[in-house]
N, C-alpha and C. Protein backbone atom coordinates (compact mmCIF):
# COMPACT_ATOMS: atom_id res chain seq x y z
N UNK A 1 0.85 -1.17 0.00
CA UNK A 1 0.00 0.00 0.00
C UNK A 1 0.89 1.23 0.00
N UNK A 2 0.34 2.37 -0.37
CA UNK A 2 1.08 3.61 -0.44
C UNK A 2 0.64 4.57 0.66
N UNK A 3 1.61 5.14 1.35
CA UNK A 3 1.34 6.15 2.37
C UNK A 3 2.32 7.30 2.16
N UNK A 4 1.97 8.45 2.70
CA UNK A 4 2.88 9.59 2.69
C UNK A 4 3.47 9.69 4.09
N UNK A 5 4.79 9.63 4.19
CA UNK A 5 5.45 9.79 5.48
C UNK A 5 6.35 11.01 5.40
N UNK A 6 6.03 12.00 6.21
CA UNK A 6 6.76 13.27 6.21
C UNK A 6 6.87 13.85 4.80
N UNK A 7 5.79 13.75 4.05
CA UNK A 7 5.72 14.36 2.73
C UNK A 7 6.29 13.54 1.60
N UNK A 8 6.81 12.35 1.89
CA UNK A 8 7.37 11.48 0.85
C UNK A 8 6.51 10.25 0.67
N UNK A 9 6.20 9.93 -0.57
CA UNK A 9 5.42 8.73 -0.86
C UNK A 9 6.28 7.50 -0.59
N UNK A 10 5.67 6.53 0.08
CA UNK A 10 6.37 5.29 0.39
C UNK A 10 5.45 4.11 0.17
N UNK A 11 6.02 3.05 -0.33
CA UNK A 11 5.33 1.77 -0.46
C UNK A 11 5.64 0.98 0.81
N UNK A 12 4.61 0.60 1.53
CA UNK A 12 4.80 -0.13 2.79
C UNK A 12 3.94 -1.38 2.78
N UNK A 13 4.25 -2.28 3.69
CA UNK A 13 3.50 -3.54 3.79
C UNK A 13 2.10 -3.27 4.32
N UNK A 14 1.14 -4.04 3.82
CA UNK A 14 -0.22 -3.95 4.35
C UNK A 14 -0.19 -4.21 5.84
N UNK A 15 -0.96 -3.44 6.59
CA UNK A 15 -1.06 -3.63 8.02
C UNK A 15 0.06 -3.01 8.83
N UNK A 16 0.95 -2.24 8.18
CA UNK A 16 2.02 -1.60 8.93
C UNK A 16 1.42 -0.73 10.03
N UNK A 17 2.03 -0.79 11.21
CA UNK A 17 1.54 0.01 12.33
C UNK A 17 2.30 1.33 12.39
N UNK A 18 1.75 2.24 13.17
CA UNK A 18 2.42 3.52 13.40
C UNK A 18 3.81 3.27 13.99
N UNK A 19 3.91 2.35 14.94
CA UNK A 19 5.20 2.05 15.57
C UNK A 19 6.22 1.59 14.53
N UNK A 20 5.82 0.75 13.61
CA UNK A 20 6.73 0.28 12.57
C UNK A 20 7.15 1.42 11.66
N UNK A 21 6.23 2.31 11.33
CA UNK A 21 6.56 3.46 10.49
C UNK A 21 7.57 4.36 11.19
N UNK A 22 7.38 4.58 12.48
CA UNK A 22 8.32 5.42 13.23
C UNK A 22 9.71 4.80 13.20
N UNK A 23 9.79 3.49 13.40
CA UNK A 23 11.09 2.81 13.42
C UNK A 23 11.81 2.89 12.08
N UNK A 24 11.08 3.09 10.98
CA UNK A 24 11.75 3.22 9.69
C UNK A 24 12.44 4.58 9.55
N UNK A 25 12.04 5.54 10.38
CA UNK A 25 12.58 6.90 10.28
C UNK A 25 13.58 7.26 11.35
N UNK A 26 13.41 6.73 12.55
CA UNK A 26 14.26 7.14 13.66
C UNK A 26 14.43 6.01 14.66
N UNK A 27 15.59 6.00 15.29
CA UNK A 27 15.84 5.05 16.37
C UNK A 27 15.53 5.68 17.72
N UNK A 28 15.14 6.95 17.70
CA UNK A 28 14.84 7.66 18.95
C UNK A 28 13.68 6.98 19.67
N UNK A 29 13.81 6.88 20.98
CA UNK A 29 12.74 6.27 21.77
C UNK A 29 11.99 7.31 22.59
N UNK A 30 12.48 8.52 22.63
CA UNK A 30 11.80 9.61 23.33
C UNK A 30 11.81 10.84 22.43
N UNK A 31 10.93 11.78 22.75
CA UNK A 31 10.90 13.02 21.98
C UNK A 31 10.32 12.87 20.59
N UNK A 32 9.45 11.88 20.40
CA UNK A 32 8.86 11.63 19.09
C UNK A 32 7.34 11.79 19.20
N UNK A 33 6.76 12.47 18.22
CA UNK A 33 5.30 12.63 18.14
C UNK A 33 4.85 12.22 16.74
N UNK A 34 3.64 11.68 16.65
CA UNK A 34 3.12 11.20 15.38
C UNK A 34 1.69 11.67 15.17
N UNK A 35 1.40 12.09 13.94
CA UNK A 35 0.03 12.39 13.54
C UNK A 35 -0.28 11.60 12.28
N UNK A 36 -1.46 11.05 12.21
CA UNK A 36 -1.94 10.35 11.02
C UNK A 36 -3.17 11.09 10.54
N UNK A 37 -3.10 11.56 9.31
CA UNK A 37 -4.20 12.33 8.72
C UNK A 37 -4.60 13.50 9.63
N UNK A 38 -3.59 14.20 10.12
CA UNK A 38 -3.75 15.40 10.95
C UNK A 38 -4.30 15.14 12.35
N UNK A 39 -4.34 13.89 12.79
CA UNK A 39 -4.79 13.54 14.13
C UNK A 39 -3.62 12.94 14.90
N UNK A 40 -3.32 13.51 16.06
CA UNK A 40 -2.23 12.99 16.88
C UNK A 40 -2.58 11.58 17.36
N UNK A 41 -1.58 10.69 17.27
CA UNK A 41 -1.75 9.32 17.76
C UNK A 41 -0.95 9.20 19.05
N UNK A 42 -1.62 8.89 20.12
CA UNK A 42 -0.97 8.72 21.42
C UNK A 42 0.04 7.58 21.35
N UNK A 43 1.18 7.75 22.00
CA UNK A 43 2.23 6.72 21.97
C UNK A 43 1.68 5.36 22.40
N UNK A 44 0.78 5.33 23.34
CA UNK A 44 0.23 4.06 23.83
C UNK A 44 -0.55 3.31 22.74
N UNK A 45 -0.91 4.00 21.66
CA UNK A 45 -1.68 3.37 20.57
C UNK A 45 -0.83 3.06 19.33
N UNK A 46 0.44 3.40 19.36
CA UNK A 46 1.28 3.19 18.17
C UNK A 46 1.31 1.74 17.71
N UNK A 47 1.46 0.81 18.64
CA UNK A 47 1.60 -0.61 18.28
C UNK A 47 0.31 -1.20 17.72
N UNK A 48 -0.82 -0.61 18.05
CA UNK A 48 -2.10 -1.17 17.62
C UNK A 48 -2.80 -0.36 16.54
N UNK A 49 -2.20 0.76 16.14
CA UNK A 49 -2.82 1.60 15.11
C UNK A 49 -2.22 1.23 13.76
N UNK A 50 -3.02 0.58 12.93
CA UNK A 50 -2.57 0.17 11.60
C UNK A 50 -2.80 1.31 10.61
N UNK A 51 -1.87 1.45 9.70
CA UNK A 51 -2.02 2.45 8.64
C UNK A 51 -2.87 1.89 7.52
N UNK A 52 -3.50 2.78 6.79
CA UNK A 52 -4.32 2.41 5.64
C UNK A 52 -3.74 3.05 4.39
N UNK A 53 -4.10 2.50 3.24
CA UNK A 53 -3.64 3.04 1.97
C UNK A 53 -3.95 4.54 1.90
N UNK A 54 -2.98 5.29 1.49
CA UNK A 54 -3.07 6.75 1.28
C UNK A 54 -3.12 7.57 2.57
N UNK A 55 -2.82 6.97 3.71
CA UNK A 55 -2.72 7.75 4.93
C UNK A 55 -1.56 8.74 4.81
N UNK A 56 -1.68 9.85 5.54
CA UNK A 56 -0.62 10.85 5.63
C UNK A 56 -0.07 10.81 7.05
N UNK A 57 1.19 10.46 7.17
CA UNK A 57 1.84 10.30 8.46
C UNK A 57 2.90 11.37 8.62
N UNK A 58 2.88 12.05 9.76
CA UNK A 58 3.90 13.02 10.11
C UNK A 58 4.58 12.54 11.37
N UNK A 59 5.91 12.36 11.30
CA UNK A 59 6.70 11.95 12.45
C UNK A 59 7.62 13.10 12.80
N UNK A 60 7.47 13.61 14.02
CA UNK A 60 8.27 14.74 14.46
C UNK A 60 9.16 14.32 15.61
N UNK A 61 10.42 14.75 15.57
CA UNK A 61 11.33 14.46 16.65
C UNK A 61 11.84 15.77 17.25
N UNK A 62 11.92 15.79 18.57
CA UNK A 62 12.43 16.97 19.26
C UNK A 62 13.95 17.03 19.10
N UNK A 63 14.45 18.24 18.95
CA UNK A 63 15.90 18.44 18.87
C UNK A 63 16.31 19.49 19.90
N UNK A 64 17.50 19.33 20.40
CA UNK A 64 18.05 20.27 21.35
C UNK A 64 19.07 21.14 20.67
N UNK A 65 19.31 22.25 21.25
CA UNK A 65 20.36 23.11 20.72
C UNK A 65 19.94 24.56 20.83
N UNK A 66 20.81 25.40 20.39
CA UNK A 66 20.50 26.80 20.54
C UNK A 66 21.05 27.63 19.48
């Protein structure tokens, strides 16, 4: 199936979860937020939230610095 992740089209396996999508982008375990189709997905739901064809996923990571 096709999804948009951070503005880039990607072909992913059917049934991919939000957690799996996050792991394709970052190894960070903290400071990460995710929205699917403009709705924030709580971290506690990442493992059980499956993506659907044409979903729009935004993965944001916090950065430090000045």
